[in-house]
Amino acid sequence: MKPKNAGNLPDGRIPDRLPDGTPAVKWRSRWTEGTLPLWLIATAGGMAAIFVVGLFFYGSYTGVGSA
């Protein structure tokens, strides 16, 4: 038995478009409500990782440990 709030798709997801073709969620609401998009999290994490690795390389050529 399917719960009442399960959505219209067989696996319970809410469809992206309404029957008339308009988006189910307004574009403005996509950025102000709910979770952050995965690509945004991955981009921020990747930039942070590159920064930390760059910091280690910088530290190896300056300061303690440099010839």
C-alpha atoms as a PDB file:
ATOM      1  CA  MET A   1       0.000   0.000   0.000  1.00  0.00           C
ATOM      2  CA  LYS A   2       1.343   3.409  -0.993  1.00  0.00           C
ATOM      3  CA  PRO A   3       1.339   6.295   1.545  1.00  0.00           C
ATOM      4  CA  LYS A   4      -0.769   9.343   0.683  1.00  0.00           C
ATOM      5  CA  ASN A   5       2.256  11.679   0.472  1.00  0.00           C
ATOM      6  CA  ALA A   6       4.395   9.338  -1.650  1.00  0.00           C
ATOM      7  CA  GLY A   7       4.097  11.310  -4.907  1.00  0.00           C
ATOM      8  CA  ASN A   8       3.003  10.140  -8.340  1.00  0.00           C
ATOM      9  CA  LEU A   9       5.934   7.956  -9.397  1.00  0.00           C
ATOM     10  CA  PRO A  10       6.045   4.241  -8.533  1.00  0.00           C
ATOM     11  CA  ASP A  11       9.068   4.615  -6.234  1.00  0.00           C
ATOM     12  CA  GLY A  12       7.554   7.549  -4.316  1.00  0.00           C
ATOM     13  CA  ARG A  13       9.520  10.394  -5.901  1.00  0.00           C
ATOM     14  CA  ILE A  14       7.768  13.649  -6.755  1.00  0.00           C
ATOM     15  CA  PRO A  15       7.777  14.333 -10.511  1.00  0.00           C
ATOM     16  CA  ASP A  16       9.881  17.255 -11.766  1.00  0.00           C
ATOM     17  CA  ARG A  17       7.154  18.656 -14.035  1.00  0.00           C
ATOM     18  CA  LEU A  18       3.447  19.182 -13.553  1.00  0.00           C
ATOM     19  CA  PRO A  19       0.991  17.776 -16.137  1.00  0.00           C
ATOM     20  CA  ASP A  20       0.865  21.169 -17.919  1.00  0.00           C
ATOM     21  CA  GLY A  21       4.666  21.148 -18.387  1.00  0.00           C
ATOM     22  CA  THR A  22       5.595  23.794 -15.813  1.00  0.00           C
ATOM     23  CA  PRO A  23       8.233  22.964 -13.179  1.00  0.00           C
ATOM     24  CA  ALA A  24       6.843  21.404  -9.997  1.00  0.00           C
ATOM     25  CA  VAL A  25       9.110  23.619  -7.869  1.00  0.00           C
ATOM     26  CA  LYS A  26       9.725  27.265  -8.734  1.00  0.00           C
ATOM     27  CA  TRP A  27      13.340  28.069  -9.691  1.00  0.00           C
ATOM     28  CA  ARG A  28      13.707  30.575  -6.866  1.00  0.00           C
ATOM     29  CA  SER A  29      12.595  27.967  -4.312  1.00  0.00           C
ATOM     30  CA  ARG A  30      15.211  25.478  -5.507  1.00  0.00           C
ATOM     31  CA  TRP A  31      17.991  27.706  -4.125  1.00  0.00           C
ATOM     32  CA  THR A  32      16.311  28.882  -0.930  1.00  0.00           C
ATOM     33  CA  GLU A  33      14.660  25.738   0.419  1.00  0.00           C
ATOM     34  CA  GLY A  34      15.777  22.188   1.059  1.00  0.00           C
ATOM     35  CA  THR A  35      19.222  20.684   0.658  1.00  0.00           C
ATOM     36  CA  LEU A  36      22.209  22.013  -1.267  1.00  0.00           C
ATOM     37  CA  PRO A  37      22.895  20.534  -4.710  1.00  0.00           C
ATOM     38  CA  LEU A  38      25.555  17.811  -4.756  1.00  0.00           C
ATOM     39  CA  TRP A  39      27.598  19.556  -7.463  1.00  0.00           C
ATOM     40  CA  LEU A  40      27.929  22.607  -5.209  1.00  0.00           C
ATOM     41  CA  ILE A  41      29.146  20.508  -2.272  1.00  0.00           C
ATOM     42  CA  ALA A  42      31.587  18.598  -4.511  1.00  0.00           C
ATOM     43  CA  THR A  43      32.965  21.816  -6.034  1.00  0.00           C
ATOM     44  CA  ALA A  44      33.546  23.401  -2.625  1.00  0.00           C
ATOM     45  CA  GLY A  45      35.146  20.208  -1.287  1.00  0.00           C
ATOM     46  CA  GLY A  46      37.407  19.873  -4.311  1.00  0.00           C
ATOM     47  CA  MET A  47      38.558  23.465  -4.052  1.00  0.00           C
ATOM     48  CA  ALA A  48      39.279  23.010  -0.336  1.00  0.00           C
ATOM     49  CA  ALA A  49      41.308  19.848  -1.041  1.00  0.00           C
ATOM     50  CA  ILE A  50      43.356  21.603  -3.744  1.00  0.00           C
ATOM     51  CA  PHE A  51      43.982  24.490  -1.341  1.00  0.00           C
ATOM     52  CA  VAL A  52      45.220  22.184   1.436  1.00  0.00           C
ATOM     53  CA  VAL A  53      47.524  20.251  -0.927  1.00  0.00           C
ATOM     54  CA  GLY A  54      48.849  23.569  -2.257  1.00  0.00           C
ATOM     55  CA  LEU A  55      49.484  24.724   1.302  1.00  0.00           C
ATOM     56  CA  PHE A  56      51.582  21.612   1.952  1.00  0.00           C
ATOM     57  CA  PHE A  57      53.613  22.196  -1.215  1.00  0.00           C
ATOM     58  CA  TYR A  58      54.130  25.842  -0.262  1.00  0.00           C
ATOM     59  CA  GLY A  59      55.247  24.827   3.224  1.00  0.00           C
ATOM     60  CA  SER A  60      57.724  22.324   1.856  1.00  0.00           C
ATOM     61  CA  TYR A  61      59.570  25.053  -0.073  1.00  0.00           C
ATOM     62  CA  THR A  62      59.487  27.741   2.645  1.00  0.00           C
ATOM     63  CA  GLY A  63      60.023  27.824   6.384  1.00  0.00           C
ATOM     64  CA  VAL A  64      61.015  24.782   8.447  1.00  0.00           C
ATOM     65  CA  GLY A  65      62.110  21.878   6.269  1.00  0.00           C
ATOM     66  CA  SER A  66      63.340  23.930   3.347  1.00  0.00           C
ATOM     67  CA  ALA A  67      67.021  23.394   2.598  1.00  0.00           C
END
